[in-house]
Amino acid sequence: MEEKSYIPYRSIADHIDIGLSDILIIASDITKIAFQAKRMEGEFDINVFIDSFMQRITMSGTLILPAYNFHLKSGQEFDLKRTLPTTGALPLAAFKRTDFCRTWHPLHSFLAW
């Protein structure tokens, strides 16, 4: 059996066929990536991970993350700036950044850069 080699989380985007100006949708659980990075590198910075994909597609590309929220109760209103995404750590980190904007759909919104 061939031994798997570790790819540092900062360079995962460099090992994927991503081109300049691509539209990239990332909908993934990154828990294993984060744990492995902490074990192998001693740290995992989610913003560095996001930035690595942004650098790969450049300003002419688009990075999209699902920012769904299915926890709105009856009568509760969707607030574009305050209703947190429930789709994981990656969209939650992007939600806190100023370089992403969110679409208006109350249940199926996306964050885009």
PDB file of N, CA and C in Angstrom:
ATOM      1  N   MET A   1       0.834  -1.171   0.000  1.00  0.00           N
ATOM      2  CA  MET A   1       0.000   0.000   0.000  1.00  0.00           C
ATOM      3  C   MET A   1       0.886   1.244   0.000  1.00  0.00           C
ATOM      4  N   GLU A   2       0.490   2.224  -0.793  1.00  0.00           N
ATOM      5  CA  GLU A   2       1.258   3.463  -0.914  1.00  0.00           C
ATOM      6  C   GLU A   2       0.964   4.379   0.270  1.00  0.00           C
ATOM      7  N   GLU A   3       2.007   4.944   0.865  1.00  0.00           N
ATOM      8  CA  GLU A   3       1.847   5.845   1.997  1.00  0.00           C
ATOM      9  C   GLU A   3       1.367   7.206   1.500  1.00  0.00           C
ATOM     10  N   LYS A   4       0.365   7.745   2.183  1.00  0.00           N
ATOM     11  CA  LYS A   4      -0.150   9.064   1.832  1.00  0.00           C
ATOM     12  C   LYS A   4       0.819  10.114   2.340  1.00  0.00           C
ATOM     13  N   SER A   5       1.067  11.123   1.525  1.00  0.00           N
ATOM     14  CA  SER A   5       1.926  12.211   1.977  1.00  0.00           C
ATOM     15  C   SER A   5       1.048  13.387   2.410  1.00  0.00           C
ATOM     16  N   TYR A   6       1.473  14.057   3.435  1.00  0.00           N
ATOM     17  CA  TYR A   6       0.723  15.175   3.987  1.00  0.00           C
ATOM     18  C   TYR A   6       0.908  16.407   3.113  1.00  0.00           C
ATOM     19  N   ILE A   7      -0.187  17.097   2.837  1.00  0.00           N
ATOM     20  CA  ILE A   7      -0.145  18.364   2.116  1.00  0.00           C
ATOM     21  C   ILE A   7      -0.517  19.457   3.117  1.00  0.00           C
ATOM     22  N   PRO A   8       0.367  20.415   3.362  1.00  0.00           N
ATOM     23  CA  PRO A   8       0.044  21.489   4.298  1.00  0.00           C
ATOM     24  C   PRO A   8      -1.247  22.212   3.891  1.00  0.00           C
ATOM     25  N   TYR A   9      -2.046  22.573   4.876  1.00  0.00           N
ATOM     26  CA  TYR A   9      -3.347  23.176   4.578  1.00  0.00           C
ATOM     27  C   TYR A   9      -3.225  24.462   3.770  1.00  0.00           C
ATOM     28  N   ARG A  10      -2.118  25.166   3.908  1.00  0.00           N
ATOM     29  CA  ARG A  10      -1.906  26.405   3.151  1.00  0.00           C
ATOM     30  C   ARG A  10      -1.750  26.150   1.652  1.00  0.00           C
ATOM     31  N   SER A  11      -1.407  24.935   1.281  1.00  0.00           N
ATOM     32  CA  SER A  11      -1.143  24.655  -0.139  1.00  0.00           C
ATOM     33  C   SER A  11      -2.105  23.635  -0.746  1.00  0.00           C
ATOM     34  N   ILE A  12      -3.188  23.299  -0.060  1.00  0.00           N
ATOM     35  CA  ILE A  12      -4.179  22.373  -0.630  1.00  0.00           C
ATOM     36  C   ILE A  12      -4.731  22.917  -1.941  1.00  0.00           C
ATOM     37  N   ALA A  13      -5.017  24.209  -1.992  1.00  0.00           N
ATOM     38  CA  ALA A  13      -5.561  24.818  -3.209  1.00  0.00           C
ATOM     39  C   ALA A  13      -4.611  24.668  -4.395  1.00  0.00           C
ATOM     40  N   ASP A  14      -3.316  24.614  -4.124  1.00  0.00           N
ATOM     41  CA  ASP A  14      -2.324  24.465  -5.191  1.00  0.00           C
ATOM     42  C   ASP A  14      -2.297  23.051  -5.761  1.00  0.00           C
ATOM     43  N   HIS A  15      -2.901  22.106  -5.071  1.00  0.00           N
ATOM     44  CA  HIS A  15      -2.916  20.717  -5.514  1.00  0.00           C
ATOM     45  C   HIS A  15      -4.242  20.320  -6.162  1.00  0.00           C
ATOM     46  N   ILE A  16      -5.087  21.297  -6.390  1.00  0.00           N
ATOM     47  CA  ILE A  16      -6.387  21.077  -7.026  1.00  0.00           C
ATOM     48  C   ILE A  16      -6.384  21.835  -8.347  1.00  0.00           C
ATOM     49  N   ASP A  17      -7.043  21.285  -9.329  1.00  0.00           N
ATOM     50  CA  ASP A  17      -7.093  21.918 -10.650  1.00  0.00           C
ATOM     51  C   ASP A  17      -8.029  23.130 -10.606  1.00  0.00           C
ATOM     52  N   ILE A  18      -7.497  24.222 -10.090  1.00  0.00           N
ATOM     53  CA  ILE A  18      -8.230  25.483  -9.994  1.00  0.00           C
ATOM     54  C   ILE A  18      -7.489  26.503 -10.831  1.00  0.00           C
ATOM     55  N   GLY A  19      -8.206  27.188 -11.700  1.00  0.00           N
ATOM     56  CA  GLY A  19      -7.579  28.184 -12.546  1.00  0.00           C
ATOM     57  C   GLY A  19      -7.945  29.599 -12.164  1.00  0.00           C
ATOM     58  N   LEU A  20      -7.193  30.537 -12.708  1.00  0.00           N
ATOM     59  CA  LEU A  20      -7.516  31.940 -12.524  1.00  0.00           C
ATOM     60  C   LEU A  20      -8.902  32.185 -13.093  1.00  0.00           C
ATOM     61  N   SER A  21      -9.662  33.012 -12.469  1.00  0.00           N
ATOM     62  CA  SER A  21     -11.005  33.401 -12.898  1.00  0.00           C
ATOM     63  C   SER A  21     -12.051  32.306 -12.723  1.00  0.00           C
ATOM     64  N   ASP A  22     -11.715  31.198 -12.082  1.00  0.00           N
ATOM     65  CA  ASP A  22     -12.699  30.139 -11.863  1.00  0.00           C
ATOM     66  C   ASP A  22     -13.750  30.579 -10.848  1.00  0.00           C
ATOM     67  N   ILE A  23     -14.913  29.968 -10.951  1.00  0.00           N
ATOM     68  CA  ILE A  23     -15.956  30.107  -9.942  1.00  0.00           C
ATOM     69  C   ILE A  23     -15.876  28.839  -9.102  1.00  0.00           C
ATOM     70  N   LEU A  24     -15.554  29.009  -7.841  1.00  0.00           N
ATOM     71  CA  LEU A  24     -15.289  27.879  -6.967  1.00  0.00           C
ATOM     72  C   LEU A  24     -16.299  27.862  -5.821  1.00  0.00           C
ATOM     73  N   ILE A  25     -17.000  26.738  -5.681  1.00  0.00           N
ATOM     74  CA  ILE A  25     -17.926  26.555  -4.570  1.00  0.00           C
ATOM     75  C   ILE A  25     -17.307  25.532  -3.627  1.00  0.00           C
ATOM     76  N   ILE A  26     -17.122  25.935  -2.384  1.00  0.00           N
ATOM     77  CA  ILE A  26     -16.577  25.007  -1.386  1.00  0.00           C
ATOM     78  C   ILE A  26     -17.682  24.698  -0.381  1.00  0.00           C
ATOM     79  N   ALA A  27     -18.121  23.463  -0.399  1.00  0.00           N
ATOM     80  CA  ALA A  27     -19.139  22.984   0.539  1.00  0.00           C
ATOM     81  C   ALA A  27     -18.589  21.709   1.151  1.00  0.00           C
ATOM     82  N   SER A  28     -17.805  21.857   2.197  1.00  0.00           N
ATOM     83  CA  SER A  28     -17.101  20.712   2.747  1.00  0.00           C
ATOM     84  C   SER A  28     -16.915  20.846   4.248  1.00  0.00           C
ATOM     85  N   ASP A  29     -16.889  19.715   4.907  1.00  0.00           N
ATOM     86  CA  ASP A  29     -16.548  19.667   6.310  1.00  0.00           C
ATOM     87  C   ASP A  29     -15.021  19.648   6.385  1.00  0.00           C
ATOM     88  N   ILE A  30     -14.432  20.659   6.993  1.00  0.00           N
ATOM     89  CA  ILE A  30     -12.968  20.761   7.037  1.00  0.00           C
ATOM     90  C   ILE A  30     -12.394  20.314   8.383  1.00  0.00           C
ATOM     91  N   THR A  31     -13.200  19.632   9.171  1.00  0.00           N
ATOM     92  CA  THR A  31     -12.759  19.196  10.496  1.00  0.00           C
ATOM     93  C   THR A  31     -11.494  18.350  10.421  1.00  0.00           C
ATOM     94  N   LYS A  32     -11.459  17.370   9.526  1.00  0.00           N
ATOM     95  CA  LYS A  32     -10.293  16.492   9.418  1.00  0.00           C
ATOM     96  C   LYS A  32      -9.061  17.270   8.950  1.00  0.00           C
ATOM     97  N   ILE A  33      -9.258  18.219   8.055  1.00  0.00           N
ATOM     98  CA  ILE A  33      -8.146  19.046   7.589  1.00  0.00           C
ATOM     99  C   ILE A  33      -7.577  19.846   8.753  1.00  0.00           C
ATOM    100  N   ALA A  34      -8.462  20.435   9.553  1.00  0.00           N
ATOM    101  CA  ALA A  34      -8.026  21.245  10.697  1.00  0.00           C
ATOM    102  C   ALA A  34      -7.294  20.397  11.733  1.00  0.00           C
ATOM    103  N   PHE A  35      -7.853  19.235  12.065  1.00  0.00           N
ATOM    104  CA  PHE A  35      -7.199  18.363  13.052  1.00  0.00           C
ATOM    105  C   PHE A  35      -5.841  17.878  12.564  1.00  0.00           C
ATOM    106  N   GLN A  36      -5.795  17.499  11.294  1.00  0.00           N
ATOM    107  CA  GLN A  36      -4.526  17.010  10.755  1.00  0.00           C
ATOM    108  C   GLN A  36      -3.486  18.134  10.708  1.00  0.00           C
ATOM    109  N   ALA A  37      -3.912  19.342  10.338  1.00  0.00           N
ATOM    110  CA  ALA A  37      -2.989  20.480  10.310  1.00  0.00           C
ATOM    111  C   ALA A  37      -2.456  20.777  11.704  1.00  0.00           C
ATOM    112  N   LYS A  38      -3.318  20.737  12.697  1.00  0.00           N
ATOM    113  CA  LYS A  38      -2.858  20.989  14.069  1.00  0.00           C
ATOM    114  C   LYS A  38      -1.872  19.920  14.512  1.00  0.00           C
ATOM    115  N   ARG A  39      -2.129  18.688  14.118  1.00  0.00           N
ATOM    116  CA  ARG A  39      -1.223  17.601  14.504  1.00  0.00           C
ATOM    117  C   ARG A  39       0.108  17.694  13.761  1.00  0.00           C
ATOM    118  N   MET A  40       0.069  17.989  12.473  1.00  0.00           N
ATOM    119  CA  MET A  40       1.274  17.988  11.645  1.00  0.00           C
ATOM    120  C   MET A  40       2.032  19.316  11.679  1.00  0.00           C
ATOM    121  N   GLU A  41       1.296  20.429  11.797  1.00  0.00           N
ATOM    122  CA  GLU A  41       1.922  21.752  11.706  1.00  0.00           C
ATOM    123  C   GLU A  41       1.848  22.549  13.005  1.00  0.00           C
ATOM    124  N   GLY A  42       1.055  22.073  13.942  1.00  0.00           N
ATOM    125  CA  GLY A  42       0.917  22.776  15.204  1.00  0.00           C
ATOM    126  C   GLY A  42      -0.119  23.877  15.203  1.00  0.00           C
ATOM    127  N   GLU A  43      -0.773  24.101  14.059  1.00  0.00           N
ATOM    128  CA  GLU A  43      -1.790  25.156  13.975  1.00  0.00           C
ATOM    129  C   GLU A  43      -2.696  24.947  12.773  1.00  0.00           C
ATOM    130  N   PHE A  44      -3.836  25.597  12.821  1.00  0.00           N
ATOM    131  CA  PHE A  44      -4.727  25.706  11.666  1.00  0.00           C
ATOM    132  C   PHE A  44      -5.414  27.050  11.767  1.00  0.00           C
ATOM    133  N   ASP A  45      -5.178  27.911  10.790  1.00  0.00           N
ATOM    134  CA  ASP A  45      -5.802  29.230  10.728  1.00  0.00           C
ATOM    135  C   ASP A  45      -6.800  29.197   9.583  1.00  0.00           C
ATOM    136  N   ILE A  46      -8.070  29.212   9.922  1.00  0.00           N
ATOM    137  CA  ILE A  46      -9.117  29.073   8.914  1.00  0.00           C
ATOM    138  C   ILE A  46      -9.081  30.198   7.878  1.00  0.00           C
ATOM    139  N   ASN A  47      -8.670  31.397   8.290  1.00  0.00           N
ATOM    140  CA  ASN A  47      -8.595  32.515   7.347  1.00  0.00           C
ATOM    141  C   ASN A  47      -7.449  32.333   6.357  1.00  0.00           C
ATOM    142  N   VAL A  48      -6.359  31.750   6.797  1.00  0.00           N
ATOM    143  CA  VAL A  48      -5.254  31.431   5.881  1.00  0.00           C
ATOM    144  C   VAL A  48      -5.727  30.394   4.863  1.00  0.00           C
ATOM    145  N   PHE A  49      -6.518  29.426   5.333  1.00  0.00           N
ATOM    146  CA  PHE A  49      -7.072  28.401   4.444  1.00  0.00           C
ATOM    147  C   PHE A  49      -7.972  29.047   3.378  1.00  0.00           C
ATOM    148  N   ILE A  50      -8.863  29.926   3.794  1.00  0.00           N
ATOM    149  CA  ILE A  50      -9.746  30.640   2.857  1.00  0.00           C
ATOM    150  C   ILE A  50      -8.912  31.476   1.885  1.00  0.00           C
ATOM    151  N   ASP A  51      -7.950  32.220   2.416  1.00  0.00           N
ATOM    152  CA  ASP A  51      -7.100  33.077   1.582  1.00  0.00           C
ATOM    153  C   ASP A  51      -6.347  32.281   0.514  1.00  0.00           C
ATOM    154  N   SER A  52      -5.962  31.049   0.836  1.00  0.00           N
ATOM    155  CA  SER A  52      -5.200  30.252  -0.136  1.00  0.00           C
ATOM    156  C   SER A  52      -6.033  29.971  -1.396  1.00  0.00           C
ATOM    157  N   PHE A  53      -7.331  29.814  -1.236  1.00  0.00           N
ATOM    158  CA  PHE A  53      -8.204  29.604  -2.395  1.00  0.00           C
ATOM    159  C   PHE A  53      -8.431  30.921  -3.137  1.00  0.00           C
ATOM    160  N   MET A  54      -8.551  32.013  -2.385  1.00  0.00           N
ATOM    161  CA  MET A  54      -8.731  33.321  -3.009  1.00  0.00           C
ATOM    162  C   MET A  54      -7.509  33.700  -3.843  1.00  0.00           C
ATOM    163  N   GLN A  55      -6.334  33.410  -3.333  1.00  0.00           N
ATOM    164  CA  GLN A  55      -5.108  33.708  -4.073  1.00  0.00           C
ATOM    165  C   GLN A  55      -5.024  32.867  -5.345  1.00  0.00           C
ATOM    166  N   ARG A  56      -5.539  31.670  -5.283  1.00  0.00           N
ATOM    167  CA  ARG A  56      -5.485  30.763  -6.440  1.00  0.00           C
ATOM    168  C   ARG A  56      -6.401  31.241  -7.577  1.00  0.00           C
ATOM    169  N   ILE A  57      -7.597  31.720  -7.242  1.00  0.00           N
ATOM    170  CA  ILE A  57      -8.533  32.145  -8.293  1.00  0.00           C
ATOM    171  C   ILE A  57      -8.365  33.615  -8.659  1.00  0.00           C
ATOM    172  N   THR A  58      -7.645  34.357  -7.870  1.00  0.00           N
ATOM    173  CA  THR A  58      -7.380  35.792  -8.042  1.00  0.00           C
ATOM    174  C   THR A  58      -8.663  36.618  -7.960  1.00  0.00           C
ATOM    175  N   MET A  59      -8.524  37.916  -8.063  1.00  0.00           N
ATOM    176  CA  MET A  59      -9.667  38.827  -7.983  1.00  0.00           C
ATOM    177  C   MET A  59     -10.647  38.661  -9.138  1.00  0.00           C
ATOM    178  N   SER A  60     -10.235  37.998 -10.205  1.00  0.00           N
ATOM    179  CA  SER A  60     -11.153  37.797 -11.329  1.00  0.00           C
ATOM    180  C   SER A  60     -12.001  36.541 -11.159  1.00  0.00           C
ATOM    181  N   GLY A  61     -11.748  35.763 -10.113  1.00  0.00           N
ATOM    182  CA  GLY A  61     -12.538  34.574  -9.820  1.00  0.00           C
ATOM    183  C   GLY A  61     -13.600  34.864  -8.776  1.00  0.00           C
ATOM    184  N   THR A  62     -14.373  33.840  -8.457  1.00  0.00           N
ATOM    185  CA  THR A  62     -15.427  33.957  -7.456  1.00  0.00           C
ATOM    186  C   THR A  62     -15.363  32.756  -6.529  1.00  0.00           C
ATOM    187  N   LEU A  63     -15.375  33.026  -5.238  1.00  0.00           N
ATOM    188  CA  LEU A  63     -15.405  31.975  -4.233  1.00  0.00           C
ATOM    189  C   LEU A  63     -16.771  32.030  -3.551  1.00  0.00           C
ATOM    190  N   ILE A  64     -17.465  30.895  -3.523  1.00  0.00           N
ATOM    191  CA  ILE A  64     -18.815  30.816  -2.970  1.00  0.00           C
ATOM    192  C   ILE A  64     -18.846  29.766  -1.870  1.00  0.00           C
ATOM    193  N   LEU A  65     -19.480  30.129  -0.747  1.00  0.00           N
ATOM    194  CA  LEU A  65     -19.655  29.212   0.370  1.00  0.00           C
ATOM    195  C   LEU A  65     -21.132  29.194   0.764  1.00  0.00           C
ATOM    196  N   PRO A  66     -21.725  28.023   0.974  1.00  0.00           N
ATOM    197  CA  PRO A  66     -23.123  27.988   1.419  1.00  0.00           C
ATOM    198  C   PRO A  66     -23.243  28.561   2.826  1.00  0.00           C
ATOM    199  N   ALA A  67     -24.224  29.418   3.029  1.00  0.00           N
ATOM    200  CA  ALA A  67     -24.437  30.050   4.341  1.00  0.00           C
ATOM    201  C   ALA A  67     -25.879  29.834   4.787  1.00  0.00           C
ATOM    202  N   TYR A  68     -26.345  28.608   4.631  1.00  0.00           N
ATOM    203  CA  TYR A  68     -27.728  28.273   4.959  1.00  0.00           C
ATOM    204  C   TYR A  68     -27.999  28.443   6.447  1.00  0.00           C
ATOM    205  N   ASN A  69     -29.269  28.684   6.743  1.00  0.00           N
ATOM    206  CA  ASN A  69     -29.721  28.700   8.119  1.00  0.00           C
ATOM    207  C   ASN A  69     -31.127  28.135   8.154  1.00  0.00           C
ATOM    208  N   PHE A  70     -31.275  26.991   8.787  1.00  0.00           N
ATOM    209  CA  PHE A  70     -32.583  26.342   8.884  1.00  0.00           C
ATOM    210  C   PHE A  70     -33.152  26.449  10.300  1.00  0.00           C
ATOM    211  N   HIS A  71     -32.573  27.313  11.129  1.00  0.00           N
ATOM    212  CA  HIS A  71     -32.985  27.408  12.523  1.00  0.00           C
ATOM    213  C   HIS A  71     -33.874  28.615  12.808  1.00  0.00           C
ATOM    214  N   LEU A  72     -34.379  29.264  11.770  1.00  0.00           N
ATOM    215  CA  LEU A  72     -35.285  30.383  12.005  1.00  0.00           C
ATOM    216  C   LEU A  72     -36.616  29.825  12.501  1.00  0.00           C
ATOM    217  N   LYS A  73     -37.116  30.407  13.561  1.00  0.00           N
ATOM    218  CA  LYS A  73     -38.396  29.976  14.115  1.00  0.00           C
ATOM    219  C   LYS A  73     -39.521  30.744  13.440  1.00  0.00           C
ATOM    220  N   SER A  74     -40.707  30.218  13.510  1.00  0.00           N
ATOM    221  CA  SER A  74     -41.873  30.856  12.910  1.00  0.00           C
ATOM    222  C   SER A  74     -41.990  32.299  13.401  1.00  0.00           C
ATOM    223  N   GLY A  75     -42.075  33.226  12.470  1.00  0.00           N
ATOM    224  CA  GLY A  75     -42.183  34.638  12.794  1.00  0.00           C
ATOM    225  C   GLY A  75     -40.844  35.351  12.951  1.00  0.00           C
ATOM    226  N   GLN A  76     -39.763  34.597  13.059  1.00  0.00           N
ATOM    227  CA  GLN A  76     -38.428  35.193  13.198  1.00  0.00           C
ATOM    228  C   GLN A  76     -37.956  35.664  11.827  1.00  0.00           C
ATOM    229  N   GLU A  77     -37.364  36.835  11.782  1.00  0.00           N
ATOM    230  CA  GLU A  77     -36.920  37.390  10.515  1.00  0.00           C
ATOM    231  C   GLU A  77     -35.448  37.102  10.261  1.00  0.00           C
ATOM    232  N   PHE A  78     -35.128  36.922   8.995  1.00  0.00           N
ATOM    233  CA  PHE A  78     -33.757  36.733   8.550  1.00  0.00           C
ATOM    234  C   PHE A  78     -33.056  38.086   8.549  1.00  0.00           C
ATOM    235  N   ASP A  79     -31.920  38.172   9.180  1.00  0.00           N
ATOM    236  CA  ASP A  79     -31.118  39.388   9.199  1.00  0.00           C
ATOM    237  C   ASP A  79     -29.814  39.080   8.468  1.00  0.00           C
ATOM    238  N   LEU A  80     -29.633  39.693   7.346  1.00  0.00           N
ATOM    239  CA  LEU A  80     -28.485  39.448   6.484  1.00  0.00           C
ATOM    240  C   LEU A  80     -27.152  39.555   7.234  1.00  0.00           C
ATOM    241  N   LYS A  81     -27.066  40.490   8.151  1.00  0.00           N
ATOM    242  CA  LYS A  81     -25.816  40.758   8.873  1.00  0.00           C
ATOM    243  C   LYS A  81     -25.703  40.023  10.215  1.00  0.00           C
ATOM    244  N   ARG A  82     -26.812  39.498  10.736  1.00  0.00           N
ATOM    245  CA  ARG A  82     -26.758  38.898  12.075  1.00  0.00           C
ATOM    246  C   ARG A  82     -27.125  37.415  12.133  1.00  0.00           C
ATOM    247  N   THR A  83     -27.904  36.930  11.176  1.00  0.00           N
ATOM    248  CA  THR A  83     -28.305  35.524  11.199  1.00  0.00           C
ATOM    249  C   THR A  83     -27.114  34.678  10.775  1.00  0.00           C
ATOM    250  N   LEU A  84     -26.598  33.897  11.713  1.00  0.00           N
ATOM    251  CA  LEU A  84     -25.392  33.113  11.459  1.00  0.00           C
ATOM    252  C   LEU A  84     -25.669  31.923  10.544  1.00  0.00           C
ATOM    253  N   PRO A  85     -24.720  31.615   9.659  1.00  0.00           N
ATOM    254  CA  PRO A  85     -24.862  30.393   8.869  1.00  0.00           C
ATOM    255  C   PRO A  85     -24.682  29.173   9.766  1.00  0.00           C
ATOM    256  N   THR A  86     -25.372  28.096   9.426  1.00  0.00           N
ATOM    257  CA  THR A  86     -25.271  26.858  10.209  1.00  0.00           C
ATOM    258  C   THR A  86     -24.611  25.753   9.384  1.00  0.00           C
ATOM    259  N   THR A  87     -23.807  26.140   8.432  1.00  0.00           N
ATOM    260  CA  THR A  87     -23.211  25.177   7.503  1.00  0.00           C
ATOM    261  C   THR A  87     -21.739  24.901   7.788  1.00  0.00           C
ATOM    262  N   GLY A  88     -21.291  25.201   8.992  1.00  0.00           N
ATOM    263  CA  GLY A  88     -19.936  24.827   9.369  1.00  0.00           C
ATOM    264  C   GLY A  88     -19.006  26.001   9.634  1.00  0.00           C
ATOM    265  N   ALA A  89     -17.780  25.626   9.976  1.00  0.00           N
ATOM    266  CA  ALA A  89     -16.775  26.607  10.376  1.00  0.00           C
ATOM    267  C   ALA A  89     -16.313  27.498   9.231  1.00  0.00           C
ATOM    268  N   LEU A  90     -16.222  26.950   8.035  1.00  0.00           N
ATOM    269  CA  LEU A  90     -15.725  27.729   6.901  1.00  0.00           C
ATOM    270  C   LEU A  90     -16.663  28.900   6.570  1.00  0.00           C
ATOM    271  N   PRO A  91     -17.960  28.674   6.360  1.00  0.00           N
ATOM    272  CA  PRO A  91     -18.854  29.809   6.128  1.00  0.00           C
ATOM    273  C   PRO A  91     -18.954  30.749   7.327  1.00  0.00           C
ATOM    274  N   LEU A  92     -18.875  30.206   8.541  1.00  0.00           N
ATOM    275  CA  LEU A  92     -18.945  31.061   9.723  1.00  0.00           C
ATOM    276  C   LEU A  92     -17.753  32.013   9.774  1.00  0.00           C
ATOM    277  N   ALA A  93     -16.564  31.524   9.423  1.00  0.00           N
ATOM    278  CA  ALA A  93     -15.378  32.389   9.384  1.00  0.00           C
ATOM    279  C   ALA A  93     -15.521  33.445   8.284  1.00  0.00           C
ATOM    280  N   ALA A  94     -16.011  33.043   7.118  1.00  0.00           N
ATOM    281  CA  ALA A  94     -16.188  33.993   6.010  1.00  0.00           C
ATOM    282  C   ALA A  94     -17.258  35.033   6.350  1.00  0.00           C
ATOM    283  N   PHE A  95     -18.285  34.618   7.080  1.00  0.00           N
ATOM    284  CA  PHE A  95     -19.361  35.526   7.502  1.00  0.00           C
ATOM    285  C   PHE A  95     -18.811  36.683   8.324  1.00  0.00           C
ATOM    286  N   LYS A  96     -17.769  36.430   9.097  1.00  0.00           N
ATOM    287  CA  LYS A  96     -17.180  37.450   9.965  1.00  0.00           C
ATOM    288  C   LYS A  96     -16.214  38.374   9.227  1.00  0.00           C
ATOM    289  N   ARG A  97     -15.898  38.039   7.979  1.00  0.00           N
ATOM    290  CA  ARG A  97     -14.944  38.843   7.203  1.00  0.00           C
ATOM    291  C   ARG A  97     -15.686  39.936   6.434  1.00  0.00           C
ATOM    292  N   THR A  98     -14.978  41.003   6.107  1.00  0.00           N
ATOM    293  CA  THR A  98     -15.600  42.102   5.361  1.00  0.00           C
ATOM    294  C   THR A  98     -15.460  41.936   3.850  1.00  0.00           C
ATOM    295  N   ASP A  99     -14.666  40.962   3.399  1.00  0.00           N
ATOM    296  CA  ASP A  99     -14.473  40.802   1.957  1.00  0.00           C
ATOM    297  C   ASP A  99     -15.453  39.812   1.329  1.00  0.00           C
ATOM    298  N   PHE A 100     -16.406  39.298   2.105  1.00  0.00           N
ATOM    299  CA  PHE A 100     -17.458  38.438   1.581  1.00  0.00           C
ATOM    300  C   PHE A 100     -18.787  39.157   1.703  1.00  0.00           C
ATOM    301  N   CYS A 101     -19.675  38.915   0.755  1.00  0.00           N
ATOM    302  CA  CYS A 101     -21.039  39.441   0.870  1.00  0.00           C
ATOM    303  C   CYS A 101     -22.000  38.254   0.831  1.00  0.00           C
ATOM    304  N   ARG A 102     -23.164  38.464   1.414  1.00  0.00           N
ATOM    305  CA  ARG A 102     -24.143  37.383   1.541  1.00  0.00           C
ATOM    306  C   ARG A 102     -25.348  37.653   0.661  1.00  0.00           C
ATOM    307  N   THR A 103     -25.862  36.590   0.067  1.00  0.00           N
ATOM    308  CA  THR A 103     -27.094  36.716  -0.719  1.00  0.00           C
ATOM    309  C   THR A 103     -28.286  36.811   0.231  1.00  0.00           C
ATOM    310  N   TRP A 104     -29.434  37.229  -0.293  1.00  0.00           N
ATOM    311  CA  TRP A 104     -30.572  37.589   0.542  1.00  0.00           C
ATOM    312  C   TRP A 104     -31.506  36.458   0.927  1.00  0.00           C
ATOM    313  N   HIS A 105     -31.369  35.276   0.382  1.00  0.00           N
ATOM    314  CA  HIS A 105     -32.344  34.228   0.691  1.00  0.00           C
ATOM    315  C   HIS A 105     -32.257  33.831   2.168  1.00  0.00           C
ATOM    316  N   PRO A 106     -33.382  33.808   2.887  1.00  0.00           N
ATOM    317  CA  PRO A 106     -33.343  33.551   4.329  1.00  0.00           C
ATOM    318  C   PRO A 106     -32.905  32.135   4.716  1.00  0.00           C
ATOM    319  N   LEU A 107     -33.149  31.139   3.890  1.00  0.00           N
ATOM    320  CA  LEU A 107     -32.767  29.768   4.222  1.00  0.00           C
ATOM    321  C   LEU A 107     -31.573  29.278   3.413  1.00  0.00           C
ATOM    322  N   HIS A 108     -31.517  29.653   2.150  1.00  0.00           N
ATOM    323  CA  HIS A 108     -30.482  29.147   1.248  1.00  0.00           C
ATOM    324  C   HIS A 108     -29.582  30.271   0.735  1.00  0.00           C
ATOM    325  N   SER A 109     -28.986  31.000   1.658  1.00  0.00           N
ATOM    326  CA  SER A 109     -28.089  32.086   1.250  1.00  0.00           C
ATOM    327  C   SER A 109     -26.678  31.547   1.016  1.00  0.00           C
ATOM    328  N   PHE A 110     -25.889  32.350   0.327  1.00  0.00           N
ATOM    329  CA  PHE A 110     -24.498  32.030   0.044  1.00  0.00           C
ATOM    330  C   PHE A 110     -23.638  33.232   0.399  1.00  0.00           C
ATOM    331  N   LEU A 111     -22.388  32.957   0.720  1.00  0.00           N
ATOM    332  CA  LEU A 111     -21.388  34.010   0.895  1.00  0.00           C
ATOM    333  C   LEU A 111     -20.517  34.004  -0.344  1.00  0.00           C
ATOM    334  N   ALA A 112     -20.264  35.175  -0.890  1.00  0.00           N
ATOM    335  CA  ALA A 112     -19.476  35.253  -2.127  1.00  0.00           C
ATOM    336  C   ALA A 112     -18.358  36.266  -1.972  1.00  0.00           C
ATOM    337  N   TRP A 113     -17.232  35.913  -2.575  1.00  0.00           N
ATOM    338  CA  TRP A 113     -16.083  36.794  -2.663  1.00  0.00           C
ATOM    339  C   TRP A 113     -15.714  36.929  -4.120  1.00  0.00           C
TER     340      TRP A 113
END
